[in-house]
PDB file of N, CA and C in Angstrom:
ATOM      1  N   MET A   1     -30.218 -17.885  -4.771  1.00  0.00           N
ATOM      2  CA  MET A   1     -30.206 -16.858  -3.757  1.00  0.00           C
ATOM      3  C   MET A   1     -31.512 -16.079  -3.801  1.00  0.00           C
ATOM      4  N   HIS A   2     -31.925 -15.679  -2.643  1.00  0.00           N
ATOM      5  CA  HIS A   2     -33.148 -14.883  -2.551  1.00  0.00           C
ATOM      6  C   HIS A   2     -32.814 -13.554  -1.896  1.00  0.00           C
ATOM      7  N   TYR A   3     -32.879 -12.496  -2.678  1.00  0.00           N
ATOM      8  CA  TYR A   3     -32.587 -11.182  -2.146  1.00  0.00           C
ATOM      9  C   TYR A   3     -33.849 -10.486  -1.643  1.00  0.00           C
ATOM     10  N   ASP A   4     -34.993 -11.109  -1.830  1.00  0.00           N
ATOM     11  CA  ASP A   4     -36.233 -10.487  -1.394  1.00  0.00           C
ATOM     12  C   ASP A   4     -36.599 -10.868   0.041  1.00  0.00           C
ATOM     13  N   ALA A   5     -35.855 -11.791   0.637  1.00  0.00           N
ATOM     14  CA  ALA A   5     -36.108 -12.175   2.019  1.00  0.00           C
ATOM     15  C   ALA A   5     -35.389 -11.186   2.925  1.00  0.00           C
ATOM     16  N   PHE A   6     -36.157 -10.546   3.819  1.00  0.00           N
ATOM     17  CA  PHE A   6     -35.574  -9.534   4.687  1.00  0.00           C
ATOM     18  C   PHE A   6     -35.213 -10.134   6.031  1.00  0.00           C
ATOM     19  N   MET A   7     -34.087  -9.711   6.543  1.00  0.00           N
ATOM     20  CA  MET A   7     -33.645 -10.157   7.844  1.00  0.00           C
ATOM     21  C   MET A   7     -33.030  -8.964   8.551  1.00  0.00           C
ATOM     22  N   ARG A   8     -33.496  -8.693   9.727  1.00  0.00           N
ATOM     23  CA  ARG A   8     -32.958  -7.586  10.506  1.00  0.00           C
ATOM     24  C   ARG A   8     -31.938  -8.174  11.474  1.00  0.00           C
ATOM     25  N   THR A   9     -30.769  -7.542  11.536  1.00  0.00           N
ATOM     26  CA  THR A   9     -29.729  -8.023  12.433  1.00  0.00           C
ATOM     27  C   THR A   9     -28.929  -6.841  12.946  1.00  0.00           C
ATOM     28  N   THR A  10     -28.282  -7.022  14.058  1.00  0.00           N
ATOM     29  CA  THR A  10     -27.402  -5.998  14.611  1.00  0.00           C
ATOM     30  C   THR A  10     -25.982  -6.345  14.196  1.00  0.00           C
ATOM     31  N   LEU A  11     -25.304  -5.358  13.664  1.00  0.00           N
ATOM     32  CA  LEU A  11     -23.950  -5.561  13.169  1.00  0.00           C
ATOM     33  C   LEU A  11     -23.059  -4.508  13.799  1.00  0.00           C
ATOM     34  N   THR A  12     -21.995  -4.925  14.439  1.00  0.00           N
ATOM     35  CA  THR A  12     -21.045  -3.990  15.040  1.00  0.00           C
ATOM     36  C   THR A  12     -19.871  -3.821  14.083  1.00  0.00           C
ATOM     37  N   LEU A  13     -19.673  -2.587  13.621  1.00  0.00           N
ATOM     38  CA  LEU A  13     -18.621  -2.287  12.648  1.00  0.00           C
ATOM     39  C   LEU A  13     -17.507  -1.483  13.308  1.00  0.00           C
ATOM     40  N   ASP A  14     -16.297  -1.683  12.842  1.00  0.00           N
ATOM     41  CA  ASP A  14     -15.200  -0.818  13.268  1.00  0.00           C
ATOM     42  C   ASP A  14     -15.490   0.593  12.777  1.00  0.00           C
ATOM     43  N   ASP A  15     -14.966   1.579  13.501  1.00  0.00           N
ATOM     44  CA  ASP A  15     -15.252   2.982  13.171  1.00  0.00           C
ATOM     45  C   ASP A  15     -14.861   3.349  11.751  1.00  0.00           C
ATOM     46  N   ASP A  16     -13.688   2.873  11.312  1.00  0.00           N
ATOM     47  CA  ASP A  16     -13.232   3.245   9.970  1.00  0.00           C
ATOM     48  C   ASP A  16     -14.137   2.660   8.889  1.00  0.00           C
ATOM     49  N   ILE A  17     -14.642   1.447   9.107  1.00  0.00           N
ATOM     50  CA  ILE A  17     -15.536   0.820   8.130  1.00  0.00           C
ATOM     51  C   ILE A  17     -16.887   1.521   8.120  1.00  0.00           C
ATOM     52  N   ALA A  18     -17.403   1.837   9.303  1.00  0.00           N
ATOM     53  CA  ALA A  18     -18.683   2.547   9.384  1.00  0.00           C
ATOM     54  C   ALA A  18     -18.575   3.913   8.711  1.00  0.00           C
ATOM     55  N   ASP A  19     -17.463   4.619   8.943  1.00  0.00           N
ATOM     56  CA  ASP A  19     -17.267   5.927   8.312  1.00  0.00           C
ATOM     57  C   ASP A  19     -17.217   5.805   6.799  1.00  0.00           C
ATOM     58  N   PHE A  20     -16.510   4.777   6.318  1.00  0.00           N
ATOM     59  CA  PHE A  20     -16.418   4.569   4.875  1.00  0.00           C
ATOM     60  C   PHE A  20     -17.796   4.301   4.272  1.00  0.00           C
ATOM     61  N   LEU A  21     -18.577   3.435   4.917  1.00  0.00           N
ATOM     62  CA  LEU A  21     -19.899   3.101   4.399  1.00  0.00           C
ATOM     63  C   LEU A  21     -20.834   4.308   4.430  1.00  0.00           C
ATOM     64  N   LYS A  22     -20.766   5.103   5.487  1.00  0.00           N
ATOM     65  CA  LYS A  22     -21.580   6.324   5.563  1.00  0.00           C
ATOM     66  C   LYS A  22     -21.186   7.296   4.451  1.00  0.00           C
ATOM     67  N   GLU A  23     -19.876   7.418   4.234  1.00  0.00           N
ATOM     68  CA  GLU A  23     -19.385   8.310   3.182  1.00  0.00           C
ATOM     69  C   GLU A  23     -19.878   7.851   1.810  1.00  0.00           C
ATOM     70  N   GLN A  24     -19.812   6.543   1.556  1.00  0.00           N
ATOM     71  CA  GLN A  24     -20.282   6.011   0.281  1.00  0.00           C
ATOM     72  C   GLN A  24     -21.785   6.215   0.121  1.00  0.00           C
ATOM     73  N   SER A  25     -22.502   6.076   1.221  1.00  0.00           N
ATOM     74  CA  SER A  25     -23.943   6.280   1.204  1.00  0.00           C
ATOM     75  C   SER A  25     -24.289   7.716   0.801  1.00  0.00           C
ATOM     76  N   GLN A  26     -23.589   8.667   1.379  1.00  0.00           N
ATOM     77  CA  GLN A  26     -23.831  10.075   1.064  1.00  0.00           C
ATOM     78  C   GLN A  26     -23.332  10.420  -0.341  1.00  0.00           C
ATOM     79  N   LEU A  27     -22.176   9.892  -0.696  1.00  0.00           N
ATOM     80  CA  LEU A  27     -21.572  10.194  -1.989  1.00  0.00           C
ATOM     81  C   LEU A  27     -22.448   9.723  -3.143  1.00  0.00           C
ATOM     82  N   HIS A  28     -23.033   8.537  -3.005  1.00  0.00           N
ATOM     83  CA  HIS A  28     -23.842   7.962  -4.081  1.00  0.00           C
ATOM     84  C   HIS A  28     -25.338   8.159  -3.867  1.00  0.00           C
ATOM     85  N   ASN A  29     -25.677   8.893  -2.803  1.00  0.00           N
ATOM     86  CA  ASN A  29     -27.072   9.194  -2.494  1.00  0.00           C
ATOM     87  C   ASN A  29     -27.919   7.919  -2.426  1.00  0.00           C
ATOM     88  N   LYS A  30     -27.393   6.935  -1.671  1.00  0.00           N
ATOM     89  CA  LYS A  30     -28.077   5.652  -1.498  1.00  0.00           C
ATOM     90  C   LYS A  30     -28.290   5.418  -0.008  1.00  0.00           C
ATOM     91  N   PRO A  31     -29.305   4.661   0.348  1.00  0.00           N
ATOM     92  CA  PRO A  31     -29.490   4.319   1.762  1.00  0.00           C
ATOM     93  C   PRO A  31     -28.305   3.492   2.283  1.00  0.00           C
ATOM     94  N   PHE A  32     -27.999   3.679   3.551  1.00  0.00           N
ATOM     95  CA  PHE A  32     -26.891   2.973   4.191  1.00  0.00           C
ATOM     96  C   PHE A  32     -27.029   1.464   4.012  1.00  0.00           C
ATOM     97  N   LYS A  33     -28.239   0.958   4.214  1.00  0.00           N
ATOM     98  CA  LYS A  33     -28.503  -0.477   4.079  1.00  0.00           C
ATOM     99  C   LYS A  33     -28.127  -0.982   2.687  1.00  0.00           C
ATOM    100  N   GLN A  34     -28.456  -0.205   1.663  1.00  0.00           N
ATOM    101  CA  GLN A  34     -28.161  -0.612   0.289  1.00  0.00           C
ATOM    102  C   GLN A  34     -26.656  -0.650   0.045  1.00  0.00           C
ATOM    103  N   VAL A  35     -25.942   0.340   0.568  1.00  0.00           N
ATOM    104  CA  VAL A  35     -24.480   0.373   0.402  1.00  0.00           C
ATOM    105  C   VAL A  35     -23.843  -0.821   1.098  1.00  0.00           C
ATOM    106  N   VAL A  36     -24.280  -1.126   2.311  1.00  0.00           N
ATOM    107  CA  VAL A  36     -23.735  -2.277   3.043  1.00  0.00           C
ATOM    108  C   VAL A  36     -23.968  -3.559   2.253  1.00  0.00           C
ATOM    109  N   ASN A  37     -25.183  -3.747   1.754  1.00  0.00           N
ATOM    110  CA  ASN A  37     -25.494  -4.954   0.982  1.00  0.00           C
ATOM    111  C   ASN A  37     -24.659  -5.043  -0.290  1.00  0.00           C
ATOM    112  N   GLU A  38     -24.487  -3.927  -0.997  1.00  0.00           N
ATOM    113  CA  GLU A  38     -23.695  -3.940  -2.232  1.00  0.00           C
ATOM    114  C   GLU A  38     -22.246  -4.292  -1.950  1.00  0.00           C
ATOM    115  N   VAL A  39     -21.689  -3.714  -0.893  1.00  0.00           N
ATOM    116  CA  VAL A  39     -20.286  -3.997  -0.547  1.00  0.00           C
ATOM    117  C   VAL A  39     -20.118  -5.458  -0.150  1.00  0.00           C
ATOM    118  N   LEU A  40     -21.056  -5.982   0.628  1.00  0.00           N
ATOM    119  CA  LEU A  40     -20.974  -7.398   1.015  1.00  0.00           C
ATOM    120  C   LEU A  40     -21.102  -8.315  -0.195  1.00  0.00           C
ATOM    121  N   ARG A  41     -22.008  -7.994  -1.116  1.00  0.00           N
ATOM    122  CA  ARG A  41     -22.165  -8.831  -2.313  1.00  0.00           C
ATOM    123  C   ARG A  41     -20.903  -8.812  -3.169  1.00  0.00           C
ATOM    124  N   ARG A  42     -20.304  -7.632  -3.312  1.00  0.00           N
ATOM    125  CA  ARG A  42     -19.052  -7.553  -4.093  1.00  0.00           C
ATOM    126  C   ARG A  42     -17.961  -8.383  -3.437  1.00  0.00           C
ATOM    127  N   GLY A  43     -17.899  -8.354  -2.110  1.00  0.00           N
ATOM    128  CA  GLY A  43     -16.884  -9.121  -1.387  1.00  0.00           C
ATOM    129  C   GLY A  43     -17.097 -10.613  -1.473  1.00  0.00           C
ATOM    130  N   MET A  44     -18.351 -11.040  -1.637  1.00  0.00           N
ATOM    131  CA  MET A  44     -18.657 -12.467  -1.718  1.00  0.00           C
ATOM    132  C   MET A  44     -18.594 -13.001  -3.142  1.00  0.00           C
ATOM    133  N   ALA A  45     -18.453 -12.118  -4.122  1.00  0.00           N
ATOM    134  CA  ALA A  45     -18.431 -12.554  -5.515  1.00  0.00           C
ATOM    135  C   ALA A  45     -17.187 -13.400  -5.776  1.00  0.00           C
ATOM    136  N   PRO A  46     -17.337 -14.469  -6.548  1.00  0.00           N
ATOM    137  CA  PRO A  46     -16.168 -15.298  -6.847  1.00  0.00           C
ATOM    138  C   PRO A  46     -15.127 -14.503  -7.625  1.00  0.00           C
ATOM    139  N   GLY A  47     -13.894 -14.657  -7.214  1.00  0.00           N
ATOM    140  CA  GLY A  47     -12.800 -13.982  -7.911  1.00  0.00           C
ATOM    141  C   GLY A  47     -12.719 -12.505  -7.621  1.00  0.00           C
ATOM    142  N   SER A  48     -13.429 -12.024  -6.596  1.00  0.00           N
ATOM    143  CA  SER A  48     -13.360 -10.594  -6.294  1.00  0.00           C
ATOM    144  C   SER A  48     -12.016 -10.278  -5.663  1.00  0.00           C
ATOM    145  N   LYS A  49     -11.461  -9.184  -6.081  1.00  0.00           N
ATOM    146  CA  LYS A  49     -10.184  -8.733  -5.553  1.00  0.00           C
ATOM    147  C   LYS A  49     -10.377  -7.353  -4.955  1.00  0.00           C
ATOM    148  N   VAL A  50      -9.747  -7.129  -3.828  1.00  0.00           N
ATOM    149  CA  VAL A  50      -9.806  -5.815  -3.204  1.00  0.00           C
ATOM    150  C   VAL A  50      -8.592  -5.028  -3.671  1.00  0.00           C
ATOM    151  N   THR A  51      -8.848  -3.930  -4.331  1.00  0.00           N
ATOM    152  CA  THR A  51      -7.761  -3.042  -4.733  1.00  0.00           C
ATOM    153  C   THR A  51      -8.034  -1.684  -4.120  1.00  0.00           C
ATOM    154  N   THR A  52      -7.257  -1.342  -3.136  1.00  0.00           N
ATOM    155  CA  THR A  52      -7.481  -0.094  -2.426  1.00  0.00           C
ATOM    156  C   THR A  52      -6.588   1.027  -2.919  1.00  0.00           C
ATOM    157  N   SER A  53      -5.495   0.685  -3.540  1.00  0.00           N
ATOM    158  CA  SER A  53      -4.604   1.730  -4.019  1.00  0.00           C
ATOM    159  C   SER A  53      -3.961   1.282  -5.325  1.00  0.00           C
ATOM    160  N   PRO A  54      -3.532   2.242  -6.113  1.00  0.00           N
ATOM    161  CA  PRO A  54      -2.890   1.864  -7.374  1.00  0.00           C
ATOM    162  C   PRO A  54      -1.562   1.162  -7.123  1.00  0.00           C
ATOM    163  N   ILE A  55      -1.117   0.446  -8.127  1.00  0.00           N
ATOM    164  CA  ILE A  55       0.153  -0.264  -8.028  1.00  0.00           C
ATOM    165  C   ILE A  55       1.273   0.751  -7.917  1.00  0.00           C
ATOM    166  N   PHE A  56       2.166   0.523  -6.970  1.00  0.00           N
ATOM    167  CA  PHE A  56       3.298   1.416  -6.750  1.00  0.00           C
ATOM    168  C   PHE A  56       4.381   1.094  -7.768  1.00  0.00           C
ATOM    169  N   ARG A  57       4.780   2.087  -8.515  1.00  0.00           N
ATOM    170  CA  ARG A  57       5.830   1.895  -9.523  1.00  0.00           C
ATOM    171  C   ARG A  57       7.017   2.794  -9.203  1.00  0.00           C
ATOM    172  N   ILE A  58       8.200   2.266  -9.393  1.00  0.00           N
ATOM    173  CA  ILE A  58       9.418   3.044  -9.188  1.00  0.00           C
ATOM    174  C   ILE A  58       9.961   3.420 -10.552  1.00  0.00           C
ATOM    175  N   VAL A  59      10.175   4.708 -10.740  1.00  0.00           N
ATOM    176  CA  VAL A  59      10.739   5.194 -11.991  1.00  0.00           C
ATOM    177  C   VAL A  59      12.196   5.561 -11.701  1.00  0.00           C
ATOM    178  N   PRO A  60      13.142   4.820 -12.254  1.00  0.00           N
ATOM    179  CA  PRO A  60      14.548   5.101 -11.960  1.00  0.00           C
ATOM    180  C   PRO A  60      15.018   6.395 -12.632  1.00  0.00           C
ATOM    181  N   ASN A  61      15.915   7.059 -11.955  1.00  0.00           N
ATOM    182  CA  ASN A  61      16.548   8.253 -12.505  1.00  0.00           C
ATOM    183  C   ASN A  61      17.978   7.914 -12.884  1.00  0.00           C
ATOM    184  N   ARG A  62      18.518   8.712 -13.755  1.00  0.00           N
ATOM    185  CA  ARG A  62      19.923   8.523 -14.098  1.00  0.00           C
ATOM    186  C   ARG A  62      20.756   8.822 -12.864  1.00  0.00           C
ATOM    187  N   SER A  63      21.797   8.043 -12.643  1.00  0.00           N
ATOM    188  CA  SER A  63      22.589   8.193 -11.427  1.00  0.00           C
ATOM    189  C   SER A  63      23.478   9.430 -11.463  1.00  0.00           C
ATOM    190  N   GLY A  64      23.815   9.873 -12.626  1.00  0.00           N
ATOM    191  CA  GLY A  64      24.663  11.054 -12.713  1.00  0.00           C
ATOM    192  C   GLY A  64      26.109  10.776 -12.348  1.00  0.00           C
ATOM    193  N   LEU A  65      26.506   9.499 -12.329  1.00  0.00           N
ATOM    194  CA  LEU A  65      27.894   9.173 -12.024  1.00  0.00           C
ATOM    195  C   LEU A  65      28.778   9.538 -13.211  1.00  0.00           C
ATOM    196  N   PHE A  66      29.987   9.901 -12.894  1.00  0.00           N
ATOM    197  CA  PHE A  66      30.925  10.250 -13.941  1.00  0.00           C
ATOM    198  C   PHE A  66      31.338   9.007 -14.722  1.00  0.00           C
ATOM    199  N   PRO A  67      31.709   9.180 -15.987  1.00  0.00           N
ATOM    200  CA  PRO A  67      32.180   8.034 -16.771  1.00  0.00           C
ATOM    201  C   PRO A  67      33.377   7.380 -16.083  1.00  0.00           C
ATOM    202  N   GLY A  68      33.380   6.075 -16.068  1.00  0.00           N
ATOM    203  CA  GLY A  68      34.475   5.341 -15.441  1.00  0.00           C
ATOM    204  C   GLY A  68      34.182   4.929 -14.014  1.00  0.00           C
ATOM    205  N   VAL A  69      33.115   5.468 -13.398  1.00  0.00           N
ATOM    206  CA  VAL A  69      32.742   5.078 -12.039  1.00  0.00           C
ATOM    207  C   VAL A  69      31.764   3.914 -12.147  1.00  0.00           C
ATOM    208  N   ASP A  70      32.172   2.792 -11.592  1.00  0.00           N
ATOM    209  CA  ASP A  70      31.329   1.593 -11.637  1.00  0.00           C
ATOM    210  C   ASP A  70      30.477   1.544 -10.370  1.00  0.00           C
ATOM    211  N   PRO A  71      29.158   1.745 -10.481  1.00  0.00           N
ATOM    212  CA  PRO A  71      28.330   1.768  -9.276  1.00  0.00           C
ATOM    213  C   PRO A  71      28.329   0.447  -8.520  1.00  0.00           C
ATOM    214  N   ARG A  72      28.696  -0.644  -9.182  1.00  0.00           N
ATOM    215  CA  ARG A  72      28.747  -1.940  -8.502  1.00  0.00           C
ATOM    216  C   ARG A  72      29.947  -2.045  -7.571  1.00  0.00           C
ATOM    217  N   LYS A  73      30.914  -1.136  -7.714  1.00  0.00           N
ATOM    218  CA  LYS A  73      32.113  -1.201  -6.880  1.00  0.00           C
ATOM    219  C   LYS A  73      32.149  -0.097  -5.827  1.00  0.00           C
ATOM    220  N   LEU A  74      31.019   0.590  -5.607  1.00  0.00           N
ATOM    221  CA  LEU A  74      31.009   1.667  -4.621  1.00  0.00           C
ATOM    222  C   LEU A  74      31.207   1.135  -3.209  1.00  0.00           C
ATOM    223  N   ASN A  75      30.678  -0.041  -2.902  1.00  0.00           N
ATOM    224  CA  ASN A  75      30.903  -0.628  -1.575  1.00  0.00           C
ATOM    225  C   ASN A  75      32.376  -0.959  -1.375  1.00  0.00           C
ATOM    226  N   GLN A  76      33.033  -1.407  -2.421  1.00  0.00           N
ATOM    227  CA  GLN A  76      34.455  -1.712  -2.339  1.00  0.00           C
ATOM    228  C   GLN A  76      35.236  -0.433  -2.044  1.00  0.00           C
ATOM    229  N   LEU A  77      34.866   0.667  -2.696  1.00  0.00           N
ATOM    230  CA  LEU A  77      35.517   1.950  -2.451  1.00  0.00           C
ATOM    231  C   LEU A  77      35.280   2.390  -1.009  1.00  0.00           C
ATOM    232  N   ASN A  78      34.064   2.225  -0.517  1.00  0.00           N
ATOM    233  CA  ASN A  78      33.753   2.586   0.863  1.00  0.00           C
ATOM    234  C   ASN A  78      34.586   1.765   1.838  1.00  0.00           C
ATOM    235  N   ASP A  79      34.721   0.477   1.580  1.00  0.00           N
ATOM    236  CA  ASP A  79      35.539  -0.386   2.441  1.00  0.00           C
ATOM    237  C   ASP A  79      36.998   0.067   2.451  1.00  0.00           C
ATOM    238  N   GLN A  80      37.524   0.431   1.298  1.00  0.00           N
ATOM    239  CA  GLN A  80      38.907   0.887   1.218  1.00  0.00           C
ATOM    240  C   GLN A  80      39.101   2.182   2.005  1.00  0.00           C
ATOM    241  N   LEU A  81      38.163   3.101   1.887  1.00  0.00           N
ATOM    242  CA  LEU A  81      38.265   4.359   2.619  1.00  0.00           C
ATOM    243  C   LEU A  81      38.185   4.128   4.125  1.00  0.00           C
ATOM    244  N   GLU A  82      37.294   3.239   4.574  1.00  0.00           N
ATOM    245  CA  GLU A  82      37.203   2.923   5.995  1.00  0.00           C
ATOM    246  C   GLU A  82      38.489   2.271   6.491  1.00  0.00           C
ATOM    247  N   ALA A  83      39.084   1.380   5.708  1.00  0.00           N
ATOM    248  CA  ALA A  83      40.334   0.717   6.100  1.00  0.00           C
ATOM    249  C   ALA A  83      41.458   1.742   6.207  1.00  0.00           C
ATOM    250  N   GLU A  84      41.506   2.692   5.268  1.00  0.00           N
ATOM    251  CA  GLU A  84      42.535   3.735   5.322  1.00  0.00           C
ATOM    252  C   GLU A  84      42.344   4.617   6.554  1.00  0.00           C
ATOM    253  N   ASP A  85      41.099   4.973   6.876  1.00  0.00           N
ATOM    254  CA  ASP A  85      40.841   5.784   8.071  1.00  0.00           C
ATOM    255  C   ASP A  85      41.242   5.041   9.337  1.00  0.00           C
ATOM    256  N   PHE A  86      40.927   3.750   9.398  1.00  0.00           N
ATOM    257  CA  PHE A  86      41.267   2.937  10.553  1.00  0.00           C
ATOM    258  C   PHE A  86      42.789   2.846  10.722  1.00  0.00           C
ATOM    259  N   ALA A  87      43.473   2.630   9.594  1.00  0.00           N
ATOM    260  CA  ALA A  87      44.946   2.539   9.637  1.00  0.00           C
ATOM    261  C   ALA A  87      45.547   3.866  10.077  1.00  0.00           C
ATOM    262  N   HIS A  88      45.002   4.965   9.621  1.00  0.00           N
ATOM    263  CA  HIS A  88      45.504   6.289   9.973  1.00  0.00           C
ATOM    264  C   HIS A  88      45.262   6.566  11.464  1.00  0.00           C
ATOM    265  N   GLU A  89      44.086   6.186  11.980  1.00  0.00           N
ATOM    266  CA  GLU A  89      43.766   6.421  13.391  1.00  0.00           C
ATOM    267  C   GLU A  89      44.591   5.548  14.321  1.00  0.00           C
ATOM    268  N   SER A  90      44.850   4.316  13.936  1.00  0.00           N
ATOM    269  CA  SER A  90      45.610   3.431  14.797  1.00  0.00           C
ATOM    270  C   SER A  90      47.112   3.746  14.756  1.00  0.00           C
ATOM    271  N   ALA A  91      47.555   4.430  13.720  1.00  0.00           N
ATOM    272  CA  ALA A  91      48.976   4.816  13.624  1.00  0.00           C
ATOM    273  C   ALA A  91      49.258   6.031  14.512  1.00  0.00           C
ATOM    274  N   THR A  92      48.231   6.798  14.830  1.00  0.00           N
ATOM    275  CA  THR A  92      48.458   8.007  15.629  1.00  0.00           C
ATOM    276  C   THR A  92      48.247   7.776  17.090  1.00  0.00           C
TER     277      THR A  92
END
């Protein structure tokens, strides 16, 4: 690869990408051209992965169910209550 060969080209960027590159340019006090080239090189690197946000982790909380309540049977309880309501409504 030859990084010393200069080529001028017109590139149309989406607004969000242009804003990001401008922000990075100002944040790192680098010329816009340098930031664009660095980002493109990182994207072309073998095995490069884009990680934009941290991994989302779920931390479970205690359910607070009373002893003897089986959370796996809550749907069964709901079905029984609905059947009782239906029977009560159809009897009236």
